[in-house]
Every structure is written in C-alpha cells, then in structure tokens.
C-alpha cells in the first residue's frame, strides 16, 4: 500500500502533505526530526490519510493536494472537526 497523509503542526497550526509507502515508519521519522521539512514544526499530529494500491495514484493525489488550493481547501472543509483548534 501507498499513503498520502496530512500532518498539522501543534506549534503553528500549519499543514504538511506527504507520501509514504510505509506510513508508520514515515511518522516515526517525522517525530524523530529526520524529515527536514517538518523538524522545525514539531510536534505534529496526523489528521488524515488515504491509502492506495497504486504508487502512481498516490503520488498523483499528493500532487493534487499540494498544487491545487481548491483540492486541499475541499479536504480541509471535510476535516474541520479533526483539525487542531486555532
């Protein structure tokens, strides 16, 4: 399986969208400050993930969420209650 996931920083409420073939392993790397783009945002909370059988589908979805504000906005509206309080 391949995963697209969304983390939210407890520090400044910002979001990080990522892709991983092993979600648990990737989350451990985030928490141990081994991911350059999130180590300054820790601690972070997993607020959403999607799983895919196809790596291509997962990478396309990650790209869609990162590049198109409308796609991520739509997801944020669906997750309103899951996000950290602002």
PDB file of N, CA and C in Angstrom:
ATOM      1  N   UNK A   1       0.836  -1.185   0.000  1.00  0.00           N
ATOM      2  CA  UNK A   1       0.000   0.000   0.000  1.00  0.00           C
ATOM      3  C   UNK A   1       0.884   1.253   0.000  1.00  0.00           C
ATOM      4  N   UNK A   2       0.298   2.321  -0.513  1.00  0.00           N
ATOM      5  CA  UNK A   2       0.962   3.628  -0.542  1.00  0.00           C
ATOM      6  C   UNK A   2       0.018   4.639   0.090  1.00  0.00           C
ATOM      7  N   UNK A   3       0.571   5.599   0.785  1.00  0.00           N
ATOM      8  CA  UNK A   3      -0.239   6.516   1.578  1.00  0.00           C
ATOM      9  C   UNK A   3       0.047   7.974   1.244  1.00  0.00           C
ATOM     10  N   UNK A   4      -1.029   8.753   1.267  1.00  0.00           N
ATOM     11  CA  UNK A   4      -0.945  10.215   1.227  1.00  0.00           C
ATOM     12  C   UNK A   4      -1.491  10.650   2.576  1.00  0.00           C
ATOM     13  N   UNK A   5      -0.779  11.536   3.240  1.00  0.00           N
ATOM     14  CA  UNK A   5      -1.187  11.899   4.590  1.00  0.00           C
ATOM     15  C   UNK A   5      -1.058  13.398   4.811  1.00  0.00           C
ATOM     16  N   UNK A   6      -1.779  13.860   5.828  1.00  0.00           N
ATOM     17  CA  UNK A   6      -1.741  15.272   6.199  1.00  0.00           C
ATOM     18  C   UNK A   6      -1.409  15.352   7.684  1.00  0.00           C
ATOM     19  N   UNK A   7      -0.372  16.117   7.992  1.00  0.00           N
ATOM     20  CA  UNK A   7       0.010  16.398   9.369  1.00  0.00           C
ATOM     21  C   UNK A   7      -0.302  17.853   9.662  1.00  0.00           C
ATOM     22  N   UNK A   8      -0.629  18.133  10.915  1.00  0.00           N
ATOM     23  CA  UNK A   8      -0.821  19.523  11.323  1.00  0.00           C
ATOM     24  C   UNK A   8       0.097  19.811  12.503  1.00  0.00           C
ATOM     25  N   UNK A   9       0.792  20.925  12.419  1.00  0.00           N
ATOM     26  CA  UNK A   9       1.719  21.324  13.468  1.00  0.00           C
ATOM     27  C   UNK A   9       0.957  21.842  14.688  1.00  0.00           C
ATOM     28  N   UNK A  10       1.332  21.345  15.843  1.00  0.00           N
ATOM     29  CA  UNK A  10       0.761  21.875  17.088  1.00  0.00           C
ATOM     30  C   UNK A  10       1.385  23.223  17.417  1.00  0.00           C
ATOM     31  N   UNK A  11       2.530  23.471  16.839  1.00  0.00           N
ATOM     32  CA  UNK A  11       3.278  24.705  17.104  1.00  0.00           C
ATOM     33  C   UNK A  11       2.620  25.922  16.452  1.00  0.00           C
ATOM     34  N   UNK A  12       2.347  25.825  15.137  1.00  0.00           N
ATOM     35  CA  UNK A  12       1.786  26.989  14.438  1.00  0.00           C
ATOM     36  C   UNK A  12       0.550  26.675  13.592  1.00  0.00           C
ATOM     37  N   UNK A  13      -0.006  25.470  13.739  1.00  0.00           N
ATOM     38  CA  UNK A  13      -1.238  25.042  13.047  1.00  0.00           C
ATOM     39  C   UNK A  13      -1.058  24.879  11.539  1.00  0.00           C
ATOM     40  N   UNK A  14       0.175  24.923  11.030  1.00  0.00           N
ATOM     41  CA  UNK A  14       0.399  24.747   9.596  1.00  0.00           C
ATOM     42  C   UNK A  14       0.243  23.268   9.223  1.00  0.00           C
ATOM     43  N   UNK A  15       0.140  23.014   7.925  1.00  0.00           N
ATOM     44  CA  UNK A  15      -0.095  21.667   7.420  1.00  0.00           C
ATOM     45  C   UNK A  15       1.099  21.171   6.623  1.00  0.00           C
ATOM     46  N   UNK A  16       1.250  19.850   6.606  1.00  0.00           N
ATOM     47  CA  UNK A  16       2.249  19.197   5.780  1.00  0.00           C
ATOM     48  C   UNK A  16       1.554  18.045   5.076  1.00  0.00           C
ATOM     49  N   UNK A  17       1.692  17.967   3.760  1.00  0.00           N
ATOM     50  CA  UNK A  17       1.117  16.891   2.965  1.00  0.00           C
ATOM     51  C   UNK A  17       2.263  16.024   2.485  1.00  0.00           C
ATOM     52  N   UNK A  18       2.153  14.715   2.677  1.00  0.00           N
ATOM     53  CA  UNK A  18       3.234  13.835   2.290  1.00  0.00           C
ATOM     54  C   UNK A  18       2.768  12.531   1.680  1.00  0.00           C
ATOM     55  N   UNK A  19       3.728  11.769   1.176  1.00  0.00           N
ATOM     56  CA  UNK A  19       3.518  10.470   0.563  1.00  0.00           C
ATOM     57  C   UNK A  19       4.466   9.485   1.224  1.00  0.00           C
ATOM     58  N   UNK A  20       4.017   8.242   1.427  1.00  0.00           N
ATOM     59  CA  UNK A  20       4.901   7.229   2.006  1.00  0.00           C
ATOM     60  C   UNK A  20       4.421   5.832   1.647  1.00  0.00           C
ATOM     61  N   UNK A  21       5.351   4.932   1.368  1.00  0.00           N
ATOM     62  CA  UNK A  21       4.964   3.538   1.163  1.00  0.00           C
ATOM     63  C   UNK A  21       4.700   2.826   2.496  1.00  0.00           C
ATOM     64  N   UNK A  22       5.254   3.358   3.581  1.00  0.00           N
ATOM     65  CA  UNK A  22       5.036   2.793   4.913  1.00  0.00           C
ATOM     66  C   UNK A  22       4.716   3.958   5.848  1.00  0.00           C
ATOM     67  N   UNK A  23       3.456   4.136   6.159  1.00  0.00           N
ATOM     68  CA  UNK A  23       3.024   5.302   6.930  1.00  0.00           C
ATOM     69  C   UNK A  23       3.586   5.310   8.348  1.00  0.00           C
ATOM     70  N   UNK A  24       3.553   4.196   9.026  1.00  0.00           N
ATOM     71  CA  UNK A  24       4.077   4.154  10.413  1.00  0.00           C
ATOM     72  C   UNK A  24       5.551   4.550  10.470  1.00  0.00           C
ATOM     73  N   UNK A  25       6.311   3.987   9.556  1.00  0.00           N
ATOM     74  CA  UNK A  25       7.740   4.296   9.512  1.00  0.00           C
ATOM     75  C   UNK A  25       7.969   5.785   9.234  1.00  0.00           C
ATOM     76  N   UNK A  26       7.194   6.334   8.337  1.00  0.00           N
ATOM     77  CA  UNK A  26       7.342   7.753   7.984  1.00  0.00           C
ATOM     78  C   UNK A  26       6.989   8.652   9.171  1.00  0.00           C
ATOM     79  N   UNK A  27       5.940   8.294   9.903  1.00  0.00           N
ATOM     80  CA  UNK A  27       5.545   9.094  11.061  1.00  0.00           C
ATOM     81  C   UNK A  27       6.628   9.071  12.143  1.00  0.00           C
ATOM     82  N   UNK A  28       7.283   7.929  12.300  1.00  0.00           N
ATOM     83  CA  UNK A  28       8.395   7.831  13.260  1.00  0.00           C
ATOM     84  C   UNK A  28       9.519   8.765  12.830  1.00  0.00           C
ATOM     85  N   UNK A  29       9.823   8.793  11.530  1.00  0.00           N
ATOM     86  CA  UNK A  29      10.868   9.688  11.036  1.00  0.00           C
ATOM     87  C   UNK A  29      10.515  11.152  11.302  1.00  0.00           C
ATOM     88  N   UNK A  30       9.244  11.502  11.099  1.00  0.00           N
ATOM     89  CA  UNK A  30       8.818  12.878  11.401  1.00  0.00           C
ATOM     90  C   UNK A  30       9.046  13.175  12.882  1.00  0.00           C
ATOM     91  N   UNK A  31       8.612  12.281  13.742  1.00  0.00           N
ATOM     92  CA  UNK A  31       8.694  12.549  15.187  1.00  0.00           C
ATOM     93  C   UNK A  31      10.132  12.590  15.703  1.00  0.00           C
ATOM     94  N   UNK A  32      11.046  11.921  15.009  1.00  0.00           N
ATOM     95  CA  UNK A  32      12.460  11.928  15.418  1.00  0.00           C
ATOM     96  C   UNK A  32      13.256  13.039  14.744  1.00  0.00           C
ATOM     97  N   UNK A  33      12.547  13.964  14.108  1.00  0.00           N
ATOM     98  CA  UNK A  33      13.172  15.112  13.440  1.00  0.00           C
ATOM     99  C   UNK A  33      14.098  14.718  12.289  1.00  0.00           C
ATOM    100  N   UNK A  34      13.777  13.622  11.610  1.00  0.00           N
ATOM    101  CA  UNK A  34      14.594  13.149  10.494  1.00  0.00           C
ATOM    102  C   UNK A  34      14.083  13.653   9.147  1.00  0.00           C
ATOM    103  N   UNK A  35      12.974  14.386   9.169  1.00  0.00           N
ATOM    104  CA  UNK A  35      12.414  14.940   7.935  1.00  0.00           C
ATOM    105  C   UNK A  35      12.685  16.445   7.959  1.00  0.00           C
ATOM    106  N   UNK A  36      13.538  16.869   7.057  1.00  0.00           N
ATOM    107  CA  UNK A  36      13.991  18.265   7.026  1.00  0.00           C
ATOM    108  C   UNK A  36      12.835  19.263   7.004  1.00  0.00           C
ATOM    109  N   UNK A  37      11.814  18.998   6.192  1.00  0.00           N
ATOM    110  CA  UNK A  37      10.755  19.991   6.006  1.00  0.00           C
ATOM    111  C   UNK A  37       9.787  20.104   7.182  1.00  0.00           C
ATOM    112  N   UNK A  38       9.832  19.186   8.140  1.00  0.00           N
ATOM    113  CA  UNK A  38       8.909  19.297   9.277  1.00  0.00           C
ATOM    114  C   UNK A  38       9.586  19.418  10.630  1.00  0.00           C
ATOM    115  N   UNK A  39      10.903  19.252  10.686  1.00  0.00           N
ATOM    116  CA  UNK A  39      11.534  19.218  12.012  1.00  0.00           C
ATOM    117  C   UNK A  39      11.371  20.512  12.796  1.00  0.00           C
ATOM    118  N   UNK A  40      11.206  21.630  12.122  1.00  0.00           N
ATOM    119  CA  UNK A  40      11.004  22.904  12.820  1.00  0.00           C
ATOM    120  C   UNK A  40       9.532  23.130  13.202  1.00  0.00           C
ATOM    121  N   UNK A  41       8.638  22.225  12.768  1.00  0.00           N
ATOM    122  CA  UNK A  41       7.204  22.372  13.042  1.00  0.00           C
ATOM    123  C   UNK A  41       6.703  21.441  14.147  1.00  0.00           C
ATOM    124  N   UNK A  42       7.577  20.627  14.678  1.00  0.00           N
ATOM    125  CA  UNK A  42       7.161  19.636  15.678  1.00  0.00           C
ATOM    126  C   UNK A  42       6.715  20.293  16.964  1.00  0.00           C
ATOM    127  N   UNK A  43       5.813  19.646  17.660  1.00  0.00           N
ATOM    128  CA  UNK A  43       5.168  18.369  17.384  1.00  0.00           C
ATOM    129  C   UNK A  43       4.062  18.507  16.329  1.00  0.00           C
ATOM    130  N   UNK A  44       3.829  17.384  15.634  1.00  0.00           N
ATOM    131  CA  UNK A  44       2.799  17.353  14.597  1.00  0.00           C
ATOM    132  C   UNK A  44       1.825  16.216  14.885  1.00  0.00           C
ATOM    133  N   UNK A  45       0.607  16.376  14.399  1.00  0.00           N
ATOM    134  CA  UNK A  45      -0.441  15.384  14.584  1.00  0.00           C
ATOM    135  C   UNK A  45      -0.937  14.913  13.226  1.00  0.00           C
ATOM    136  N   UNK A  46      -1.071  13.604  13.083  1.00  0.00           N
ATOM    137  CA  UNK A  46      -1.665  13.052  11.869  1.00  0.00           C
ATOM    138  C   UNK A  46      -3.159  13.334  11.920  1.00  0.00           C
ATOM    139  N   UNK A  47      -3.672  14.074  10.933  1.00  0.00           N
ATOM    140  CA  UNK A  47      -5.105  14.373  10.942  1.00  0.00           C
ATOM    141  C   UNK A  47      -5.865  13.655   9.832  1.00  0.00           C
ATOM    142  N   UNK A  48      -5.124  13.087   8.845  1.00  0.00           N
ATOM    143  CA  UNK A  48      -5.812  12.449   7.736  1.00  0.00           C
ATOM    144  C   UNK A  48      -4.827  11.617   6.926  1.00  0.00           C
ATOM    145  N   UNK A  49      -5.314  10.494   6.384  1.00  0.00           N
ATOM    146  CA  UNK A  49      -4.530   9.749   5.404  1.00  0.00           C
ATOM    147  C   UNK A  49      -5.457   8.999   4.472  1.00  0.00           C
ATOM    148  N   UNK A  50      -4.943   8.718   3.292  1.00  0.00           N
ATOM    149  CA  UNK A  50      -5.626   7.921   2.281  1.00  0.00           C
ATOM    150  C   UNK A  50      -4.667   6.820   1.869  1.00  0.00           C
ATOM    151  N   UNK A  51      -5.181   5.630   1.583  1.00  0.00           N
ATOM    152  CA  UNK A  51      -4.324   4.543   1.126  1.00  0.00           C
ATOM    153  C   UNK A  51      -4.667   4.183  -0.317  1.00  0.00           C
ATOM    154  N   UNK A  52      -3.630   3.789  -1.041  1.00  0.00           N
ATOM    155  CA  UNK A  52      -3.755   3.435  -2.457  1.00  0.00           C
ATOM    156  C   UNK A  52      -2.961   2.177  -2.734  1.00  0.00           C
ATOM    157  N   UNK A  53      -3.468   1.364  -3.640  1.00  0.00           N
ATOM    158  CA  UNK A  53      -2.720   0.188  -4.076  1.00  0.00           C
ATOM    159  C   UNK A  53      -1.674   0.576  -5.112  1.00  0.00           C
ATOM    160  N   UNK A  54      -1.926   1.651  -5.817  1.00  0.00           N
ATOM    161  CA  UNK A  54      -1.030   2.097  -6.878  1.00  0.00           C
ATOM    162  C   UNK A  54      -0.174   3.276  -6.403  1.00  0.00           C
ATOM    163  N   UNK A  55       1.124   3.154  -6.578  1.00  0.00           N
ATOM    164  CA  UNK A  55       2.035   4.247  -6.229  1.00  0.00           C
ATOM    165  C   UNK A  55       1.733   5.479  -7.076  1.00  0.00           C
ATOM    166  N   UNK A  56       1.448   5.275  -8.348  1.00  0.00           N
ATOM    167  CA  UNK A  56       1.141   6.388  -9.248  1.00  0.00           C
ATOM    168  C   UNK A  56      -0.093   7.152  -8.785  1.00  0.00           C
ATOM    169  N   UNK A  57      -1.137   6.430  -8.391  1.00  0.00           N
ATOM    170  CA  UNK A  57      -2.352   7.090  -7.902  1.00  0.00           C
ATOM    171  C   UNK A  57      -2.063   7.916  -6.644  1.00  0.00           C
ATOM    172  N   UNK A  58      -1.280   7.355  -5.743  1.00  0.00           N
ATOM    173  CA  UNK A  58      -0.947   8.064  -4.504  1.00  0.00           C
ATOM    174  C   UNK A  58      -0.137   9.328  -4.792  1.00  0.00           C
ATOM    175  N   UNK A  59       0.846   9.211  -5.665  1.00  0.00           N
ATOM    176  CA  UNK A  59       1.661  10.382  -5.996  1.00  0.00           C
ATOM    177  C   UNK A  59       0.841  11.448  -6.717  1.00  0.00           C
ATOM    178  N   UNK A  60      -0.083  11.030  -7.569  1.00  0.00           N
ATOM    179  CA  UNK A  60      -0.965  11.994  -8.244  1.00  0.00           C
ATOM    180  C   UNK A  60      -1.852  12.712  -7.245  1.00  0.00           C
ATOM    181  N   UNK A  61      -2.364  11.987  -6.246  1.00  0.00           N
ATOM    182  CA  UNK A  61      -3.218  12.606  -5.227  1.00  0.00           C
ATOM    183  C   UNK A  61      -2.413  13.590  -4.379  1.00  0.00           C
ATOM    184  N   UNK A  62      -1.187  13.206  -4.005  1.00  0.00           N
ATOM    185  CA  UNK A  62      -0.342  14.116  -3.238  1.00  0.00           C
ATOM    186  C   UNK A  62      -0.098  15.397  -4.035  1.00  0.00           C
ATOM    187  N   UNK A  63       0.208  15.240  -5.292  1.00  0.00           N
ATOM    188  CA  UNK A  63       0.459  16.391  -6.159  1.00  0.00           C
ATOM    189  C   UNK A  63      -0.779  17.277  -6.255  1.00  0.00           C
ATOM    190  N   UNK A  64      -1.951  16.643  -6.366  1.00  0.00           N
ATOM    191  CA  UNK A  64      -3.205  17.397  -6.449  1.00  0.00           C
ATOM    192  C   UNK A  64      -3.422  18.234  -5.187  1.00  0.00           C
ATOM    193  N   UNK A  65      -3.195  17.642  -4.041  1.00  0.00           N
ATOM    194  CA  UNK A  65      -3.399  18.368  -2.786  1.00  0.00           C
ATOM    195  C   UNK A  65      -2.388  19.492  -2.602  1.00  0.00           C
ATOM    196  N   UNK A  66      -1.158  19.277  -3.046  1.00  0.00           N
ATOM    197  CA  UNK A  66      -0.117  20.289  -2.881  1.00  0.00           C
ATOM    198  C   UNK A  66      -0.237  21.435  -3.878  1.00  0.00           C
ATOM    199  N   UNK A  67      -0.616  21.116  -5.107  1.00  0.00           N
ATOM    200  CA  UNK A  67      -0.587  22.133  -6.162  1.00  0.00           C
ATOM    201  C   UNK A  67      -1.881  22.905  -6.341  1.00  0.00           C
ATOM    202  N   UNK A  68      -2.995  22.294  -5.994  1.00  0.00           N
ATOM    203  CA  UNK A  68      -4.271  22.941  -6.276  1.00  0.00           C
ATOM    204  C   UNK A  68      -4.978  23.291  -4.982  1.00  0.00           C
ATOM    205  N   UNK A  69      -5.042  24.560  -4.704  1.00  0.00           N
ATOM    206  CA  UNK A  69      -5.635  25.046  -3.458  1.00  0.00           C
ATOM    207  C   UNK A  69      -7.067  24.554  -3.289  1.00  0.00           C
ATOM    208  N   UNK A  70      -7.802  24.463  -4.367  1.00  0.00           N
ATOM    209  CA  UNK A  70      -9.203  24.031  -4.292  1.00  0.00           C
ATOM    210  C   UNK A  70      -9.306  22.603  -3.744  1.00  0.00           C
ATOM    211  N   UNK A  71      -8.395  21.712  -4.155  1.00  0.00           N
ATOM    212  CA  UNK A  71      -8.405  20.332  -3.664  1.00  0.00           C
ATOM    213  C   UNK A  71      -8.130  20.267  -2.173  1.00  0.00           C
ATOM    214  N   UNK A  72      -7.136  21.002  -1.710  1.00  0.00           N
ATOM    215  CA  UNK A  72      -6.812  20.988  -0.287  1.00  0.00           C
ATOM    216  C   UNK A  72      -7.871  21.713   0.525  1.00  0.00           C
ATOM    217  N   UNK A  73      -8.422  22.788  -0.004  1.00  0.00           N
ATOM    218  CA  UNK A  73      -9.490  23.513   0.681  1.00  0.00           C
ATOM    219  C   UNK A  73     -10.685  22.591   0.903  1.00  0.00           C
ATOM    220  N   UNK A  74     -11.033  21.824  -0.116  1.00  0.00           N
ATOM    221  CA  UNK A  74     -12.152  20.892  -0.013  1.00  0.00           C
ATOM    222  C   UNK A  74     -11.889  19.854   1.080  1.00  0.00           C
ATOM    223  N   UNK A  75     -10.672  19.348   1.144  1.00  0.00           N
ATOM    224  CA  UNK A  75     -10.311  18.384   2.178  1.00  0.00           C
ATOM    225  C   UNK A  75     -10.376  19.027   3.559  1.00  0.00           C
ATOM    226  N   UNK A  76      -9.859  20.227   3.696  1.00  0.00           N
ATOM    227  CA  UNK A  76      -9.904  20.929   4.986  1.00  0.00           C
ATOM    228  C   UNK A  76     -11.341  21.148   5.455  1.00  0.00           C
ATOM    229  N   UNK A  77     -12.245  21.431   4.543  1.00  0.00           N
ATOM    230  CA  UNK A  77     -13.654  21.601   4.928  1.00  0.00           C
ATOM    231  C   UNK A  77     -14.225  20.306   5.480  1.00  0.00           C
ATOM    232  N   UNK A  78     -13.859  19.185   4.866  1.00  0.00           N
ATOM    233  CA  UNK A  78     -14.345  17.886   5.338  1.00  0.00           C
ATOM    234  C   UNK A  78     -13.756  17.523   6.697  1.00  0.00           C
ATOM    235  N   UNK A  79     -12.565  18.001   6.977  1.00  0.00           N
ATOM    236  CA  UNK A  79     -11.861  17.640   8.216  1.00  0.00           C
ATOM    237  C   UNK A  79     -11.951  18.690   9.292  1.00  0.00           C
ATOM    238  N   UNK A  80     -12.848  19.610   9.150  1.00  0.00           N
ATOM    239  CA  UNK A  80     -12.950  20.747  10.064  1.00  0.00           C
ATOM    240  C   UNK A  80     -12.867  20.345  11.542  1.00  0.00           C
ATOM    241  N   UNK A  81     -13.568  19.282  11.929  1.00  0.00           N
ATOM    242  CA  UNK A  81     -13.594  18.874  13.335  1.00  0.00           C
ATOM    243  C   UNK A  81     -12.349  18.095  13.746  1.00  0.00           C
ATOM    244  N   UNK A  82     -11.593  17.592  12.782  1.00  0.00           N
ATOM    245  CA  UNK A  82     -10.378  16.815  13.082  1.00  0.00           C
ATOM    246  C   UNK A  82      -9.152  17.698  13.255  1.00  0.00           C
ATOM    247  N   UNK A  83      -9.208  18.902  12.739  1.00  0.00           N
ATOM    248  CA  UNK A  83      -8.045  19.788  12.813  1.00  0.00           C
ATOM    249  C   UNK A  83      -7.890  20.349  14.221  1.00  0.00           C
ATOM    250  N   UNK A  84      -6.682  20.704  14.550  1.00  0.00           N
ATOM    251  CA  UNK A  84      -6.404  21.285  15.864  1.00  0.00           C
ATOM    252  C   UNK A  84      -7.099  22.630  15.992  1.00  0.00           C
ATOM    253  N   UNK A  85      -7.528  22.933  17.180  1.00  0.00           N
ATOM    254  CA  UNK A  85      -8.194  24.228  17.388  1.00  0.00           C
ATOM    255  C   UNK A  85      -7.255  25.364  17.098  1.00  0.00           C
ATOM    256  N   UNK A  86      -7.804  26.389  16.507  1.00  0.00           N
ATOM    257  CA  UNK A  86      -6.977  27.544  16.129  1.00  0.00           C
ATOM    258  C   UNK A  86      -7.020  28.601  17.192  1.00  0.00           C
TER     259      UNK A  86
END
